[in-house]
Amino acid sequence: MAKCEFCEKAVTFGNNVSHSNRKTSRMWKPNIRKVKAVVDGTHKSVYICTRCLRSGKVQRAV
């Protein structure tokens, strides 16, 4: 499932609405990356969104 392990951001659902006001279902997925990060002092492979990675909530393992 497309879900960030830190901020719990996941898929959201809604509708495409055309000019003629017809509705079809769609979904928005978060930008998830598999990254090796330092979690509780150990190197671990985690799935995180790019916003958590960019903001510094997660420290990448070097």
PDB file of N, CA and C in Angstrom:
ATOM      1  N   MET A   1       0.842  -1.184   0.000  1.00  0.00           N
ATOM      2  CA  MET A   1       0.000   0.000   0.000  1.00  0.00           C
ATOM      3  C   MET A   1       0.885   1.243   0.000  1.00  0.00           C
ATOM      4  N   ALA A   2       0.471   2.262  -0.702  1.00  0.00           N
ATOM      5  CA  ALA A   2       1.229   3.509  -0.750  1.00  0.00           C
ATOM      6  C   ALA A   2       0.974   4.280   0.533  1.00  0.00           C
ATOM      7  N   LYS A   3       1.887   4.101   1.531  1.00  0.00           N
ATOM      8  CA  LYS A   3       1.711   4.745   2.820  1.00  0.00           C
ATOM      9  C   LYS A   3       3.063   5.064   3.425  1.00  0.00           C
ATOM     10  N   CYS A   4       3.215   6.277   3.938  1.00  0.00           N
ATOM     11  CA  CYS A   4       4.450   6.698   4.587  1.00  0.00           C
ATOM     12  C   CYS A   4       4.492   6.091   5.988  1.00  0.00           C
ATOM     13  N   GLU A   5       5.644   5.529   6.371  1.00  0.00           N
ATOM     14  CA  GLU A   5       5.753   4.893   7.679  1.00  0.00           C
ATOM     15  C   GLU A   5       5.928   5.896   8.806  1.00  0.00           C
ATOM     16  N   PHE A   6       6.211   7.160   8.496  1.00  0.00           N
ATOM     17  CA  PHE A   6       6.425   8.157   9.540  1.00  0.00           C
ATOM     18  C   PHE A   6       5.220   9.062   9.737  1.00  0.00           C
ATOM     19  N   CYS A   7       4.698   9.643   8.666  1.00  0.00           N
ATOM     20  CA  CYS A   7       3.582  10.586   8.822  1.00  0.00           C
ATOM     21  C   CYS A   7       2.232   9.930   8.528  1.00  0.00           C
ATOM     22  N   GLU A   8       2.228   8.650   8.146  1.00  0.00           N
ATOM     23  CA  GLU A   8       0.990   7.903   7.862  1.00  0.00           C
ATOM     24  C   GLU A   8       0.203   8.464   6.692  1.00  0.00           C
ATOM     25  N   LYS A   9       0.863   9.245   5.809  1.00  0.00           N
ATOM     26  CA  LYS A   9       0.179   9.764   4.626  1.00  0.00           C
ATOM     27  C   LYS A   9      -0.132   8.581   3.698  1.00  0.00           C
ATOM     28  N   ALA A  10      -1.362   8.505   3.206  1.00  0.00           N
ATOM     29  CA  ALA A  10      -1.794   7.372   2.391  1.00  0.00           C
ATOM     30  C   ALA A  10      -2.615   7.868   1.204  1.00  0.00           C
ATOM     31  N   VAL A  11      -3.143   6.937   0.454  1.00  0.00           N
ATOM     32  CA  VAL A  11      -3.952   7.233  -0.726  1.00  0.00           C
ATOM     33  C   VAL A  11      -5.253   7.912  -0.296  1.00  0.00           C
ATOM     34  N   THR A  12      -5.650   8.963  -1.037  1.00  0.00           N
ATOM     35  CA  THR A  12      -6.947   9.593  -0.808  1.00  0.00           C
ATOM     36  C   THR A  12      -7.778   9.475  -2.083  1.00  0.00           C
ATOM     37  N   PHE A  13      -9.080   9.462  -1.921  1.00  0.00           N
ATOM     38  CA  PHE A  13      -9.986   9.248  -3.038  1.00  0.00           C
ATOM     39  C   PHE A  13     -10.858  10.466  -3.270  1.00  0.00           C
ATOM     40  N   GLY A  14     -11.269  10.629  -4.508  1.00  0.00           N
ATOM     41  CA  GLY A  14     -12.146  11.744  -4.864  1.00  0.00           C
ATOM     42  C   GLY A  14     -12.709  11.533  -6.247  1.00  0.00           C
ATOM     43  N   ASN A  15     -13.110  12.628  -6.884  1.00  0.00           N
ATOM     44  CA  ASN A  15     -13.721  12.556  -8.203  1.00  0.00           C
ATOM     45  C   ASN A  15     -13.021  13.476  -9.183  1.00  0.00           C
ATOM     46  N   ASN A  16     -12.896  13.019 -10.436  1.00  0.00           N
ATOM     47  CA  ASN A  16     -12.616  13.922 -11.531  1.00  0.00           C
ATOM     48  C   ASN A  16     -13.946  14.546 -11.912  1.00  0.00           C
ATOM     49  N   VAL A  17     -13.973  15.846 -12.077  1.00  0.00           N
ATOM     50  CA  VAL A  17     -15.206  16.524 -12.471  1.00  0.00           C
ATOM     51  C   VAL A  17     -14.948  17.219 -13.797  1.00  0.00           C
ATOM     52  N   SER A  18     -15.680  16.821 -14.836  1.00  0.00           N
ATOM     53  CA  SER A  18     -15.484  17.382 -16.165  1.00  0.00           C
ATOM     54  C   SER A  18     -16.210  18.714 -16.294  1.00  0.00           C
ATOM     55  N   HIS A  19     -15.991  19.363 -17.404  1.00  0.00           N
ATOM     56  CA  HIS A  19     -16.658  20.634 -17.677  1.00  0.00           C
ATOM     57  C   HIS A  19     -18.172  20.473 -17.708  1.00  0.00           C
ATOM     58  N   SER A  20     -18.633  19.307 -18.164  1.00  0.00           N
ATOM     59  CA  SER A  20     -20.078  19.050 -18.193  1.00  0.00           C
ATOM     60  C   SER A  20     -20.582  18.501 -16.855  1.00  0.00           C
ATOM     61  N   ASN A  21     -19.723  18.524 -15.825  1.00  0.00           N
ATOM     62  CA  ASN A  21     -20.049  18.142 -14.447  1.00  0.00           C
ATOM     63  C   ASN A  21     -20.293  16.647 -14.267  1.00  0.00           C
ATOM     64  N   ARG A  22     -19.734  15.841 -15.175  1.00  0.00           N
ATOM     65  CA  ARG A  22     -19.773  14.382 -14.974  1.00  0.00           C
ATOM     66  C   ARG A  22     -18.667  14.023 -13.999  1.00  0.00           C
ATOM     67  N   LYS A  23     -18.912  13.009 -13.167  1.00  0.00           N
ATOM     68  CA  LYS A  23     -17.943  12.626 -12.150  1.00  0.00           C
ATOM     69  C   LYS A  23     -17.463  11.200 -12.370  1.00  0.00           C
ATOM     70  N   THR A  24     -16.153  11.024 -12.352  1.00  0.00           N
ATOM     71  CA  THR A  24     -15.554   9.698 -12.379  1.00  0.00           C
ATOM     72  C   THR A  24     -14.571   9.628 -11.218  1.00  0.00           C
ATOM     73  N   SER A  25     -14.454   8.456 -10.618  1.00  0.00           N
ATOM     74  CA  SER A  25     -13.616   8.346  -9.430  1.00  0.00           C
ATOM     75  C   SER A  25     -12.139   8.363  -9.793  1.00  0.00           C
ATOM     76  N   ARG A  26     -11.328   8.868  -8.883  1.00  0.00           N
ATOM     77  CA  ARG A  26      -9.891   8.902  -9.065  1.00  0.00           C
ATOM     78  C   ARG A  26      -9.236   8.814  -7.698  1.00  0.00           C
ATOM     79  N   MET A  27      -7.910   8.678  -7.688  1.00  0.00           N
ATOM     80  CA  MET A  27      -7.194   8.658  -6.427  1.00  0.00           C
ATOM     81  C   MET A  27      -5.913   9.470  -6.526  1.00  0.00           C
ATOM     82  N   TRP A  28      -5.496   9.991  -5.392  1.00  0.00           N
ATOM     83  CA  TRP A  28      -4.225  10.696  -5.271  1.00  0.00           C
ATOM     84  C   TRP A  28      -3.306   9.832  -4.428  1.00  0.00           C
ATOM     85  N   LYS A  29      -2.115   9.548  -4.975  1.00  0.00           N
ATOM     86  CA  LYS A  29      -1.147   8.729  -4.244  1.00  0.00           C
ATOM     87  C   LYS A  29      -0.002   9.607  -3.752  1.00  0.00           C
ATOM     88  N   PRO A  30       0.498   9.360  -2.547  1.00  0.00           N
ATOM     89  CA  PRO A  30       1.656  10.111  -2.064  1.00  0.00           C
ATOM     90  C   PRO A  30       2.918   9.649  -2.783  1.00  0.00           C
ATOM     91  N   ASN A  31       3.908  10.534  -2.815  1.00  0.00           N
ATOM     92  CA  ASN A  31       5.170  10.239  -3.487  1.00  0.00           C
ATOM     93  C   ASN A  31       6.056   9.450  -2.526  1.00  0.00           C
ATOM     94  N   ILE A  32       5.985   8.119  -2.610  1.00  0.00           N
ATOM     95  CA  ILE A  32       6.663   7.217  -1.672  1.00  0.00           C
ATOM     96  C   ILE A  32       7.956   6.712  -2.283  1.00  0.00           C
ATOM     97  N   ARG A  33       9.023   6.691  -1.462  1.00  0.00           N
ATOM     98  CA  ARG A  33      10.321   6.176  -1.882  1.00  0.00           C
ATOM     99  C   ARG A  33      10.812   5.151  -0.866  1.00  0.00           C
ATOM    100  N   LYS A  34      11.503   4.125  -1.348  1.00  0.00           N
ATOM    101  CA  LYS A  34      12.142   3.160  -0.462  1.00  0.00           C
ATOM    102  C   LYS A  34      13.547   3.666  -0.177  1.00  0.00           C
ATOM    103  N   VAL A  35      13.844   3.926   1.097  1.00  0.00           N
ATOM    104  CA  VAL A  35      15.083   4.583   1.492  1.00  0.00           C
ATOM    105  C   VAL A  35      15.691   3.827   2.667  1.00  0.00           C
ATOM    106  N   LYS A  36      17.021   3.738   2.668  1.00  0.00           N
ATOM    107  CA  LYS A  36      17.704   3.220   3.846  1.00  0.00           C
ATOM    108  C   LYS A  36      17.894   4.381   4.802  1.00  0.00           C
ATOM    109  N   ALA A  37      17.338   4.254   6.010  1.00  0.00           N
ATOM    110  CA  ALA A  37      17.345   5.343   6.976  1.00  0.00           C
ATOM    111  C   ALA A  37      17.791   4.831   8.339  1.00  0.00           C
ATOM    112  N   VAL A  38      18.150   5.776   9.206  1.00  0.00           N
ATOM    113  CA  VAL A  38      18.508   5.455  10.584  1.00  0.00           C
ATOM    114  C   VAL A  38      17.241   5.541  11.418  1.00  0.00           C
ATOM    115  N   VAL A  39      16.785   4.384  11.944  1.00  0.00           N
ATOM    116  CA  VAL A  39      15.581   4.319  12.762  1.00  0.00           C
ATOM    117  C   VAL A  39      15.964   3.681  14.088  1.00  0.00           C
ATOM    118  N   ASP A  40      15.803   4.426  15.178  1.00  0.00           N
ATOM    119  CA  ASP A  40      16.166   3.966  16.527  1.00  0.00           C
ATOM    120  C   ASP A  40      17.609   3.494  16.607  1.00  0.00           C
ATOM    121  N   GLY A  41      18.500   4.191  15.906  1.00  0.00           N
ATOM    122  CA  GLY A  41      19.923   3.880  15.956  1.00  0.00           C
ATOM    123  C   GLY A  41      20.391   2.765  15.046  1.00  0.00           C
ATOM    124  N   THR A  42      19.473   2.155  14.290  1.00  0.00           N
ATOM    125  CA  THR A  42      19.854   1.084  13.376  1.00  0.00           C
ATOM    126  C   THR A  42      19.507   1.474  11.950  1.00  0.00           C
ATOM    127  N   HIS A  43      20.246   0.934  11.003  1.00  0.00           N
ATOM    128  CA  HIS A  43      19.967   1.168   9.591  1.00  0.00           C
ATOM    129  C   HIS A  43      18.839   0.238   9.166  1.00  0.00           C
ATOM    130  N   LYS A  44      17.837   0.829   8.551  1.00  0.00           N
ATOM    131  CA  LYS A  44      16.642   0.071   8.191  1.00  0.00           C
ATOM    132  C   LYS A  44      16.121   0.568   6.856  1.00  0.00           C
ATOM    133  N   SER A  45      15.545  -0.310   6.067  1.00  0.00           N
ATOM    134  CA  SER A  45      14.938   0.071   4.806  1.00  0.00           C
ATOM    135  C   SER A  45      13.464   0.381   5.059  1.00  0.00           C
ATOM    136  N   VAL A  46      13.058   1.623   4.761  1.00  0.00           N
ATOM    137  CA  VAL A  46      11.693   2.061   5.057  1.00  0.00           C
ATOM    138  C   VAL A  46      11.086   2.731   3.833  1.00  0.00           C
ATOM    139  N   TYR A  47       9.763   2.751   3.786  1.00  0.00           N
ATOM    140  CA  TYR A  47       9.026   3.468   2.749  1.00  0.00           C
ATOM    141  C   TYR A  47       8.560   4.789   3.349  1.00  0.00           C
ATOM    142  N   ILE A  48       9.062   5.911   2.795  1.00  0.00           N
ATOM    143  CA  ILE A  48       8.684   7.218   3.311  1.00  0.00           C
ATOM    144  C   ILE A  48       8.311   8.138   2.153  1.00  0.00           C
ATOM    145  N   CYS A  49       7.507   9.150   2.469  1.00  0.00           N
ATOM    146  CA  CYS A  49       7.142  10.122   1.441  1.00  0.00           C
ATOM    147  C   CYS A  49       8.272  11.130   1.290  1.00  0.00           C
ATOM    148  N   THR A  50       8.334  11.768   0.152  1.00  0.00           N
ATOM    149  CA  THR A  50       9.423  12.690  -0.131  1.00  0.00           C
ATOM    150  C   THR A  50       9.335  13.944   0.732  1.00  0.00           C
ATOM    151  N   ARG A  51       8.178  14.289   1.224  1.00  0.00           N
ATOM    152  CA  ARG A  51       8.048  15.446   2.109  1.00  0.00           C
ATOM    153  C   ARG A  51       8.748  15.187   3.444  1.00  0.00           C
ATOM    154  N   CYS A  52       8.625  13.989   3.997  1.00  0.00           N
ATOM    155  CA  CYS A  52       9.334  13.652   5.240  1.00  0.00           C
ATOM    156  C   CYS A  52      10.838  13.606   4.997  1.00  0.00           C
ATOM    157  N   LEU A  53      11.237  13.119   3.848  1.00  0.00           N
ATOM    158  CA  LEU A  53      12.661  13.057   3.518  1.00  0.00           C
ATOM    159  C   LEU A  53      13.235  14.456   3.350  1.00  0.00           C
ATOM    160  N   ARG A  54      12.512  15.335   2.682  1.00  0.00           N
ATOM    161  CA  ARG A  54      12.984  16.687   2.419  1.00  0.00           C
ATOM    162  C   ARG A  54      12.999  17.537   3.684  1.00  0.00           C
ATOM    163  N   SER A  55      12.018  17.355   4.560  1.00  0.00           N
ATOM    164  CA  SER A  55      11.917  18.191   5.757  1.00  0.00           C
ATOM    165  C   SER A  55      12.891  17.771   6.848  1.00  0.00           C
ATOM    166  N   GLY A  56      13.521  16.606   6.706  1.00  0.00           N
ATOM    167  CA  GLY A  56      14.498  16.168   7.695  1.00  0.00           C
ATOM    168  C   GLY A  56      13.911  15.357   8.822  1.00  0.00           C
ATOM    169  N   LYS A  57      12.672  14.869   8.691  1.00  0.00           N
ATOM    170  CA  LYS A  57      12.095  14.013   9.715  1.00  0.00           C
ATOM    171  C   LYS A  57      12.809  12.668   9.782  1.00  0.00           C
ATOM    172  N   VAL A  58      13.412  12.273   8.649  1.00  0.00           N
ATOM    173  CA  VAL A  58      14.110  10.992   8.557  1.00  0.00           C
ATOM    174  C   VAL A  58      15.536  11.262   8.147  1.00  0.00           C
ATOM    175  N   GLN A  59      16.484  10.609   8.830  1.00  0.00           N
ATOM    176  CA  GLN A  59      17.884  10.763   8.485  1.00  0.00           C
ATOM    177  C   GLN A  59      18.311   9.570   7.652  1.00  0.00           C
ATOM    178  N   ARG A  60      18.856   9.847   6.456  1.00  0.00           N
ATOM    179  CA  ARG A  60      19.302   8.776   5.570  1.00  0.00           C
ATOM    180  C   ARG A  60      20.546   8.107   6.128  1.00  0.00           C
ATOM    181  N   ALA A  61      20.647   6.799   5.933  1.00  0.00           N
ATOM    182  CA  ALA A  61      21.841   6.059   6.333  1.00  0.00           C
ATOM    183  C   ALA A  61      22.916   6.256   5.276  1.00  0.00           C
ATOM    184  N   VAL A  62      24.119   6.534   5.717  1.00  0.00           N
ATOM    185  CA  VAL A  62      25.215   6.781   4.784  1.00  0.00           C
ATOM    186  C   VAL A  62      26.145   5.601   4.736  1.00  0.00           C
TER     187      VAL A  62
END
